[in-house]
Amino acid sequence: MGDVSDSEPHPGTINAKSDEREASDARALAYLPGYSRETSLRRDEAGRWFHEGERVRHRGVARAFDRWLSRAPDGRFCLKNSVNWAYVQVEGPAYFVRAVALAGSALVLTLSDDSVEPLIPETLRHNQASRYFCLVKGGLDAAFDRHASFALSDFLLLEGETIWLALGDTRYPVAAYANAGSAGQTSER
């Protein structure tokens, strides 16, 4: 019972093969003139996608790009699906909070990539324009869109000049965001 058969992958084998494949892909692309993982795709601070300066107007394509947003092996933003990946430029926050829901005594966020995760109350902050931000996915910025901000407002209290997030009997101070203009998550291509 505890033995692993030769036909089953050993722990870490899949990741090692994936890393080897990515390194091999990068070497192969370096030798192919005209081929690159660089693109002209860009997402602005408002979450709108652009290709060669033109706005991507097809909602399905823009939503797919939101779902595919990831980090490349070198830490830059990329679009990554089951087939391939390519670099993109991201201005502003890495993700957007699209919906907020109460689950027990916690708030659950639906993000622009359609993933769902609990709000970490201590990471909630606001800027001078009353825009809200939090950290998601291990420390990346997410900005609340209008719909999510409206839903969040049901849980916010203003006492004096302090905004509080109230969840049940617990209150969390909402810190002022140091960079009032944007979320500060920019990745150059």
C-alpha atoms as a PDB file:
ATOM      1  CA  MET A   1       0.000   0.000   0.000  1.00  0.00           C
ATOM      2  CA  GLY A   2       2.144   3.162   0.098  1.00  0.00           C
ATOM      3  CA  ASP A   3       4.197   2.206  -2.982  1.00  0.00           C
ATOM      4  CA  VAL A   4       3.850   4.293  -6.103  1.00  0.00           C
ATOM      5  CA  SER A   5       3.667   2.261  -9.282  1.00  0.00           C
ATOM      6  CA  ASP A   6       5.945   3.065 -12.199  1.00  0.00           C
ATOM      7  CA  SER A   7       2.933   4.109 -14.278  1.00  0.00           C
ATOM      8  CA  GLU A   8       1.921   6.861 -11.833  1.00  0.00           C
ATOM      9  CA  PRO A   9       3.788  10.175 -11.884  1.00  0.00           C
ATOM     10  CA  HIS A  10       5.904  10.853  -8.858  1.00  0.00           C
ATOM     11  CA  PRO A  11       5.132  14.007  -6.866  1.00  0.00           C
ATOM     12  CA  GLY A  12       6.617  17.042  -8.619  1.00  0.00           C
ATOM     13  CA  THR A  13       7.045  15.260 -11.954  1.00  0.00           C
ATOM     14  CA  ILE A  14       4.293  17.202 -13.715  1.00  0.00           C
ATOM     15  CA  ASN A  15       5.626  20.580 -12.555  1.00  0.00           C
ATOM     16  CA  ALA A  16       9.194  19.647 -13.479  1.00  0.00           C
ATOM     17  CA  LYS A  17       8.078  18.588 -16.966  1.00  0.00           C
ATOM     18  CA  SER A  18       6.025  21.763 -17.322  1.00  0.00           C
ATOM     19  CA  ASP A  19       9.007  23.913 -16.283  1.00  0.00           C
ATOM     20  CA  GLU A  20      11.264  22.043 -18.726  1.00  0.00           C
ATOM     21  CA  ARG A  21       8.703  22.516 -21.515  1.00  0.00           C
ATOM     22  CA  GLU A  22       8.438  26.271 -20.828  1.00  0.00           C
ATOM     23  CA  ALA A  23      12.230  26.637 -20.858  1.00  0.00           C
ATOM     24  CA  SER A  24      12.390  24.638 -24.090  1.00  0.00           C
ATOM     25  CA  ASP A  25       9.646  26.809 -25.629  1.00  0.00           C
ATOM     26  CA  ALA A  26      11.535  29.973 -24.694  1.00  0.00           C
ATOM     27  CA  ARG A  27      14.752  28.638 -26.275  1.00  0.00           C
ATOM     28  CA  ALA A  28      12.886  27.575 -29.420  1.00  0.00           C
ATOM     29  CA  LEU A  29      11.216  30.983 -29.796  1.00  0.00           C
ATOM     30  CA  ALA A  30      14.595  32.700 -29.450  1.00  0.00           C
ATOM     31  CA  TYR A  31      15.776  30.887 -32.605  1.00  0.00           C
ATOM     32  CA  LEU A  32      12.680  31.573 -34.695  1.00  0.00           C
ATOM     33  CA  PRO A  33      12.948  34.994 -36.344  1.00  0.00           C
ATOM     34  CA  GLY A  34       9.685  36.906 -36.206  1.00  0.00           C
ATOM     35  CA  TYR A  35       8.253  34.852 -33.346  1.00  0.00           C
ATOM     36  CA  SER A  36       7.914  36.283 -29.871  1.00  0.00           C
ATOM     37  CA  ARG A  37       5.755  36.094 -26.779  1.00  0.00           C
ATOM     38  CA  GLU A  38       5.500  39.904 -26.883  1.00  0.00           C
ATOM     39  CA  THR A  39       2.124  41.358 -27.918  1.00  0.00           C
ATOM     40  CA  SER A  40       0.533  44.762 -28.279  1.00  0.00           C
ATOM     41  CA  LEU A  41      -2.277  43.714 -25.912  1.00  0.00           C
ATOM     42  CA  ARG A  42      -2.825  46.166 -23.077  1.00  0.00           C
ATOM     43  CA  ARG A  43      -5.372  46.530 -20.281  1.00  0.00           C
ATOM     44  CA  ASP A  44      -5.892  50.039 -18.925  1.00  0.00           C
ATOM     45  CA  GLU A  45      -6.635  51.077 -15.328  1.00  0.00           C
ATOM     46  CA  ALA A  46     -10.377  50.835 -15.991  1.00  0.00           C
ATOM     47  CA  GLY A  47     -10.064  47.190 -17.069  1.00  0.00           C
ATOM     48  CA  ARG A  48     -10.543  47.793 -20.811  1.00  0.00           C
ATOM     49  CA  TRP A  49      -8.467  45.704 -23.222  1.00  0.00           C
ATOM     50  CA  PHE A  50      -6.717  47.193 -26.268  1.00  0.00           C
ATOM     51  CA  HIS A  51      -4.957  45.579 -29.238  1.00  0.00           C
ATOM     52  CA  GLU A  52      -2.662  47.717 -31.374  1.00  0.00           C
ATOM     53  CA  GLY A  53      -4.260  50.807 -29.820  1.00  0.00           C
ATOM     54  CA  GLU A  54      -7.823  49.758 -30.682  1.00  0.00           C
ATOM     55  CA  ARG A  55     -10.253  48.810 -27.926  1.00  0.00           C
ATOM     56  CA  VAL A  56     -11.281  45.151 -27.828  1.00  0.00           C
ATOM     57  CA  ARG A  57     -15.054  45.521 -28.111  1.00  0.00           C
ATOM     58  CA  HIS A  58     -16.079  41.869 -28.202  1.00  0.00           C
ATOM     59  CA  ARG A  59     -17.210  41.146 -24.633  1.00  0.00           C
ATOM     60  CA  GLY A  60     -16.450  37.441 -24.912  1.00  0.00           C
ATOM     61  CA  VAL A  61     -12.868  38.081 -25.969  1.00  0.00           C
ATOM     62  CA  ALA A  62     -12.352  40.668 -23.208  1.00  0.00           C
ATOM     63  CA  ARG A  63     -13.795  38.266 -20.606  1.00  0.00           C
ATOM     64  CA  ALA A  64     -11.526  35.483 -21.872  1.00  0.00           C
ATOM     65  CA  PHE A  65      -8.532  37.811 -21.505  1.00  0.00           C
ATOM     66  CA  ASP A  66      -9.635  38.575 -17.920  1.00  0.00           C
ATOM     67  CA  ARG A  67      -9.843  34.838 -17.161  1.00  0.00           C
ATOM     68  CA  TRP A  68      -6.464  34.131 -18.772  1.00  0.00           C
ATOM     69  CA  LEU A  69      -4.548  36.880 -16.933  1.00  0.00           C
ATOM     70  CA  SER A  70      -1.618  35.258 -15.165  1.00  0.00           C
ATOM     71  CA  ARG A  71       2.064  35.689 -14.390  1.00  0.00           C
ATOM     72  CA  ALA A  72       4.753  34.478 -16.769  1.00  0.00           C
ATOM     73  CA  PRO A  73       7.758  32.609 -15.366  1.00  0.00           C
ATOM     74  CA  ASP A  74       9.675  35.923 -15.171  1.00  0.00           C
ATOM     75  CA  GLY A  75       6.895  37.601 -13.143  1.00  0.00           C
ATOM     76  CA  ARG A  76       5.491  39.758 -15.942  1.00  0.00           C
ATOM     77  CA  PHE A  77       1.780  39.691 -16.707  1.00  0.00           C
ATOM     78  CA  CYS A  78       0.672  37.410 -19.496  1.00  0.00           C
ATOM     79  CA  LEU A  79      -2.402  35.789 -20.953  1.00  0.00           C
ATOM     80  CA  LYS A  80      -2.161  32.057 -20.413  1.00  0.00           C
ATOM     81  CA  ASN A  81      -4.576  29.342 -21.497  1.00  0.00           C
ATOM     82  CA  SER A  82      -4.234  25.598 -21.973  1.00  0.00           C
ATOM     83  CA  VAL A  83      -2.546  26.086 -25.349  1.00  0.00           C
ATOM     84  CA  ASN A  84      -0.041  28.931 -24.966  1.00  0.00           C
ATOM     85  CA  TRP A  85       0.841  32.198 -23.242  1.00  0.00           C
ATOM     86  CA  ALA A  86       1.936  35.688 -24.315  1.00  0.00           C
ATOM     87  CA  TYR A  87       3.001  38.872 -22.534  1.00  0.00           C
ATOM     88  CA  VAL A  88       0.529  41.720 -22.013  1.00  0.00           C
ATOM     89  CA  GLN A  89       0.796  45.130 -20.426  1.00  0.00           C
ATOM     90  CA  VAL A  90      -1.418  45.719 -17.392  1.00  0.00           C
ATOM     91  CA  GLU A  91      -1.995  49.221 -16.070  1.00  0.00           C
ATOM     92  CA  GLY A  92      -3.628  49.626 -12.676  1.00  0.00           C
ATOM     93  CA  PRO A  93      -4.808  46.714 -10.547  1.00  0.00           C
ATOM     94  CA  ALA A  94      -4.182  43.118 -11.504  1.00  0.00           C
ATOM     95  CA  TYR A  95      -7.817  42.163 -10.849  1.00  0.00           C
ATOM     96  CA  PHE A  96     -11.212  43.750 -10.408  1.00  0.00           C
ATOM     97  CA  VAL A  97     -13.819  42.768  -7.817  1.00  0.00           C
ATOM     98  CA  ARG A  98     -17.049  42.255  -9.762  1.00  0.00           C
ATOM     99  CA  ALA A  99     -19.348  41.068  -6.937  1.00  0.00           C
ATOM    100  CA  VAL A 100     -19.497  40.932  -3.138  1.00  0.00           C
ATOM    101  CA  ALA A 101     -21.625  38.460  -1.184  1.00  0.00           C
ATOM    102  CA  LEU A 102     -22.019  37.670   2.498  1.00  0.00           C
ATOM    103  CA  ALA A 103     -21.222  34.046   3.383  1.00  0.00           C
ATOM    104  CA  GLY A 104     -21.717  33.481   7.088  1.00  0.00           C
ATOM    105  CA  SER A 105     -19.714  36.241   8.743  1.00  0.00           C
ATOM    106  CA  ALA A 106     -17.310  36.755   5.839  1.00  0.00           C
ATOM    107  CA  LEU A 107     -17.476  38.590   2.538  1.00  0.00           C
ATOM    108  CA  VAL A 108     -16.790  36.575  -0.598  1.00  0.00           C
ATOM    109  CA  LEU A 109     -15.496  38.315  -3.707  1.00  0.00           C
ATOM    110  CA  THR A 110     -16.009  37.350  -7.341  1.00  0.00           C
ATOM    111  CA  LEU A 111     -13.012  38.546  -9.326  1.00  0.00           C
ATOM    112  CA  SER A 112     -12.615  39.560 -12.961  1.00  0.00           C
ATOM    113  CA  ASP A 113     -11.128  36.127 -13.786  1.00  0.00           C
ATOM    114  CA  ASP A 114     -14.356  34.515 -12.447  1.00  0.00           C
ATOM    115  CA  SER A 115     -12.549  33.106  -9.407  1.00  0.00           C
ATOM    116  CA  VAL A 116     -14.100  33.457  -5.965  1.00  0.00           C
ATOM    117  CA  GLU A 117     -12.204  34.084  -2.752  1.00  0.00           C
ATOM    118  CA  PRO A 118     -12.892  35.534   0.686  1.00  0.00           C
ATOM    119  CA  LEU A 119     -12.077  39.162   1.408  1.00  0.00           C
ATOM    120  CA  ILE A 120      -9.163  39.573   3.807  1.00  0.00           C
ATOM    121  CA  PRO A 121     -10.645  42.520   5.764  1.00  0.00           C
ATOM    122  CA  GLU A 122      -7.264  43.879   6.858  1.00  0.00           C
ATOM    123  CA  THR A 123      -6.302  44.501   3.207  1.00  0.00           C
ATOM    124  CA  LEU A 124      -9.342  46.667   2.397  1.00  0.00           C
ATOM    125  CA  ARG A 125      -8.456  50.306   1.695  1.00  0.00           C
ATOM    126  CA  HIS A 126      -9.866  53.334  -0.115  1.00  0.00           C
ATOM    127  CA  ASN A 127      -8.562  56.313  -2.053  1.00  0.00           C
ATOM    128  CA  GLN A 128      -9.669  59.952  -2.028  1.00  0.00           C
ATOM    129  CA  ALA A 129     -12.080  59.261  -4.888  1.00  0.00           C
ATOM    130  CA  SER A 130     -13.926  56.724  -2.675  1.00  0.00           C
ATOM    131  CA  ARG A 131     -12.653  53.799  -4.713  1.00  0.00           C
ATOM    132  CA  TYR A 132     -11.987  50.589  -2.792  1.00  0.00           C
ATOM    133  CA  PHE A 133      -9.112  48.144  -3.177  1.00  0.00           C
ATOM    134  CA  CYS A 134      -7.989  44.932  -1.493  1.00  0.00           C
ATOM    135  CA  LEU A 135      -5.333  42.282  -1.921  1.00  0.00           C
ATOM    136  CA  VAL A 136      -6.167  38.964  -3.593  1.00  0.00           C
ATOM    137  CA  LYS A 137      -4.340  35.900  -4.876  1.00  0.00           C
ATOM    138  CA  GLY A 138      -1.441  36.176  -2.467  1.00  0.00           C
ATOM    139  CA  GLY A 139      -0.874  39.925  -2.571  1.00  0.00           C
ATOM    140  CA  LEU A 140      -2.038  41.380  -5.899  1.00  0.00           C
ATOM    141  CA  ASP A 141      -4.210  44.495  -6.011  1.00  0.00           C
ATOM    142  CA  ALA A 142      -7.881  44.256  -6.895  1.00  0.00           C
ATOM    143  CA  ALA A 143     -10.106  47.308  -7.433  1.00  0.00           C
ATOM    144  CA  PHE A 144     -13.816  47.151  -6.680  1.00  0.00           C
ATOM    145  CA  ASP A 145     -15.943  48.035  -9.700  1.00  0.00           C
ATOM    146  CA  ARG A 146     -19.065  50.187  -9.207  1.00  0.00           C
ATOM    147  CA  HIS A 147     -21.391  47.242  -8.670  1.00  0.00           C
ATOM    148  CA  ALA A 148     -19.071  45.641  -6.100  1.00  0.00           C
ATOM    149  CA  SER A 149     -18.486  48.996  -4.350  1.00  0.00           C
ATOM    150  CA  PHE A 150     -22.238  49.467  -4.023  1.00  0.00           C
ATOM    151  CA  ALA A 151     -22.597  45.969  -2.511  1.00  0.00           C
ATOM    152  CA  LEU A 152     -19.651  46.653  -0.175  1.00  0.00           C
ATOM    153  CA  SER A 153     -21.291  49.869   1.059  1.00  0.00           C
ATOM    154  CA  ASP A 154     -23.842  47.766   2.993  1.00  0.00           C
ATOM    155  CA  PHE A 155     -20.975  46.740   5.293  1.00  0.00           C
ATOM    156  CA  LEU A 156     -19.255  50.116   5.702  1.00  0.00           C
ATOM    157  CA  LEU A 157     -19.720  52.595   8.542  1.00  0.00           C
ATOM    158  CA  LEU A 158     -18.415  56.142   8.780  1.00  0.00           C
ATOM    159  CA  GLU A 159     -17.522  57.390  12.264  1.00  0.00           C
ATOM    160  CA  GLY A 160     -15.878  60.785  12.269  1.00  0.00           C
ATOM    161  CA  GLU A 161     -13.278  60.526   9.526  1.00  0.00           C
ATOM    162  CA  THR A 162     -12.775  56.774   9.878  1.00  0.00           C
ATOM    163  CA  ILE A 163     -14.400  54.217   7.573  1.00  0.00           C
ATOM    164  CA  TRP A 164     -15.030  50.832   9.163  1.00  0.00           C
ATOM    165  CA  LEU A 165     -15.878  47.478   7.610  1.00  0.00           C
ATOM    166  CA  ALA A 166     -18.487  45.902   9.896  1.00  0.00           C
ATOM    167  CA  LEU A 167     -18.855  42.120   9.751  1.00  0.00           C
ATOM    168  CA  GLY A 168     -21.095  40.870  12.529  1.00  0.00           C
ATOM    169  CA  ASP A 169     -19.715  42.177  15.820  1.00  0.00           C
ATOM    170  CA  THR A 170     -16.246  42.783  14.372  1.00  0.00           C
ATOM    171  CA  ARG A 171     -15.097  46.070  12.874  1.00  0.00           C
ATOM    172  CA  TYR A 172     -12.043  46.595  10.705  1.00  0.00           C
ATOM    173  CA  PRO A 173     -10.644  50.062   9.931  1.00  0.00           C
ATOM    174  CA  VAL A 174     -10.424  50.750   6.208  1.00  0.00           C
ATOM    175  CA  ALA A 175      -7.031  52.335   5.579  1.00  0.00           C
ATOM    176  CA  ALA A 176      -6.463  55.211   3.206  1.00  0.00           C
ATOM    177  CA  TYR A 177      -4.749  54.052   0.043  1.00  0.00           C
ATOM    178  CA  ALA A 178      -1.346  55.678  -0.376  1.00  0.00           C
ATOM    179  CA  ASN A 179      -1.592  56.018  -4.167  1.00  0.00           C
ATOM    180  CA  ALA A 180      -4.822  57.953  -4.684  1.00  0.00           C
ATOM    181  CA  GLY A 181      -4.687  57.840  -8.482  1.00  0.00           C
ATOM    182  CA  SER A 182      -4.373  54.131  -9.228  1.00  0.00           C
ATOM    183  CA  ALA A 183      -3.693  50.771  -7.731  1.00  0.00           C
ATOM    184  CA  GLY A 184      -0.047  50.917  -8.673  1.00  0.00           C
ATOM    185  CA  GLN A 185       0.138  47.489 -10.321  1.00  0.00           C
ATOM    186  CA  THR A 186       1.753  48.179 -13.667  1.00  0.00           C
ATOM    187  CA  SER A 187       3.575  45.623 -15.758  1.00  0.00           C
ATOM    188  CA  GLU A 188       5.486  46.764 -18.798  1.00  0.00           C
ATOM    189  CA  ARG A 189       5.700  44.598 -21.848  1.00  0.00           C
END
